[in-house]
Protein backbone atom coordinates (compact mmCIF):
# COMPACT_ATOMS: atom_id res chain seq x y z
CA MET A 1 -66.82 -106.81 177.41
CA THR A 2 -66.97 -103.18 178.48
CA LYS A 3 -65.84 -101.58 181.72
CA THR A 4 -66.87 -98.11 182.87
CA SER A 5 -64.23 -95.96 184.52
CA LYS A 6 -65.32 -94.39 187.81
CA SER A 7 -63.02 -91.39 187.50
CA GLU A 8 -64.16 -90.24 184.06
CA ASP A 9 -67.12 -90.59 181.73
CA ARG A 10 -65.41 -93.28 179.66
CA THR A 11 -65.87 -96.95 178.85
CA ARG A 12 -63.06 -99.40 178.14
CA LEU A 13 -63.75 -101.51 175.08
CA ASN A 14 -61.81 -104.61 174.07
CA LEU A 15 -61.82 -105.38 170.35
CA GLU A 16 -60.81 -108.50 168.48
CA LEU A 17 -59.71 -107.43 165.00
CA PRO A 18 -57.91 -109.19 162.17
CA ASN A 19 -54.17 -108.50 161.97
CA ALA A 20 -54.64 -106.74 158.62
CA THR A 21 -57.05 -104.28 160.27
CA ILE A 22 -54.55 -103.59 163.06
CA ARG A 23 -51.84 -102.92 160.47
CA ARG A 24 -54.15 -100.48 158.67
CA MET A 25 -54.90 -98.73 161.96
CA GLU A 26 -51.20 -98.48 162.81
CA ASP A 27 -50.52 -97.10 159.33
CA LEU A 28 -53.24 -94.48 159.83
CA CYS A 29 -51.70 -93.56 163.20
CA THR A 30 -48.41 -92.89 161.46
CA ARG A 31 -49.83 -91.10 158.42
CA THR A 32 -52.13 -88.83 160.45
CA GLU A 33 -49.73 -88.37 163.37
CA ALA A 34 -52.44 -89.59 165.73
CA GLU A 35 -51.35 -90.08 169.32
CA SER A 36 -53.11 -93.45 169.65
CA LYS A 37 -55.26 -96.07 167.97
CA THR A 38 -58.14 -94.68 170.02
CA GLU A 39 -57.68 -91.32 168.33
CA VAL A 40 -57.77 -93.01 164.89
CA ILE A 41 -61.03 -94.76 165.79
CA ARG A 42 -62.52 -91.51 167.16
CA ARG A 43 -61.59 -89.62 163.97
CA ALA A 44 -62.96 -92.43 161.80
CA LEU A 45 -66.29 -92.31 163.62
CA GLN A 46 -66.48 -88.53 163.23
CA THR A 47 -65.72 -88.81 159.51
CA TYR A 48 -68.24 -91.62 158.99
CA GLU A 49 -70.93 -89.69 160.84
CA ALA A 50 -70.25 -86.54 158.80
CA LEU A 51 -70.45 -88.51 155.53
CA LEU A 52 -73.76 -90.05 156.57
CA ILE A 53 -75.21 -86.64 157.43
CA ILE A 54 -74.02 -85.18 154.12
CA SER A 55 -75.29 -88.17 152.14
CA THR A 56 -78.86 -87.65 153.41
CA ARG A 57 -78.83 -84.18 151.84
CA GLY A 58 -78.01 -85.39 148.34
CA SER A 59 -75.01 -86.51 146.38
CA ILE A 60 -71.45 -86.08 147.53
CA ILE A 61 -69.20 -84.63 144.85
CA LEU A 62 -65.47 -85.14 145.24
CA ARG A 63 -63.37 -82.52 143.44
CA HIS A 64 -59.85 -83.67 142.57
CA GLU A 65 -56.84 -81.36 142.50
CA ASN A 66 -56.85 -81.46 138.68
CA GLY A 67 -60.40 -80.03 138.66
CA THR A 68 -62.26 -83.22 137.72
CA GLU A 69 -65.28 -84.19 139.78
CA GLU A 70 -66.53 -87.58 140.88
CA LYS A 71 -69.89 -88.49 142.41
CA ILE A 72 -69.54 -90.60 145.57
CA LEU A 73 -72.35 -92.81 146.86
CA ILE A 74 -72.46 -93.64 150.58
CA LEU A 75 -74.28 -96.86 151.30
């Protein structure tokens, strides 16, 4: 169920997620120094959208610190 806030252009969203997913999100909060789980979700959406845009232009090549390259497929 969603609820729109009258004071801002925002919508409250309630999610039911497995405990393992919540632990992963909390871990990402810590590792990325995010201020909230909402920030982690927002960043994840931005990253996913960027990867989708890039993937429509061709292959994504990941270059490792040691100089090796790896082709990544986004499905």
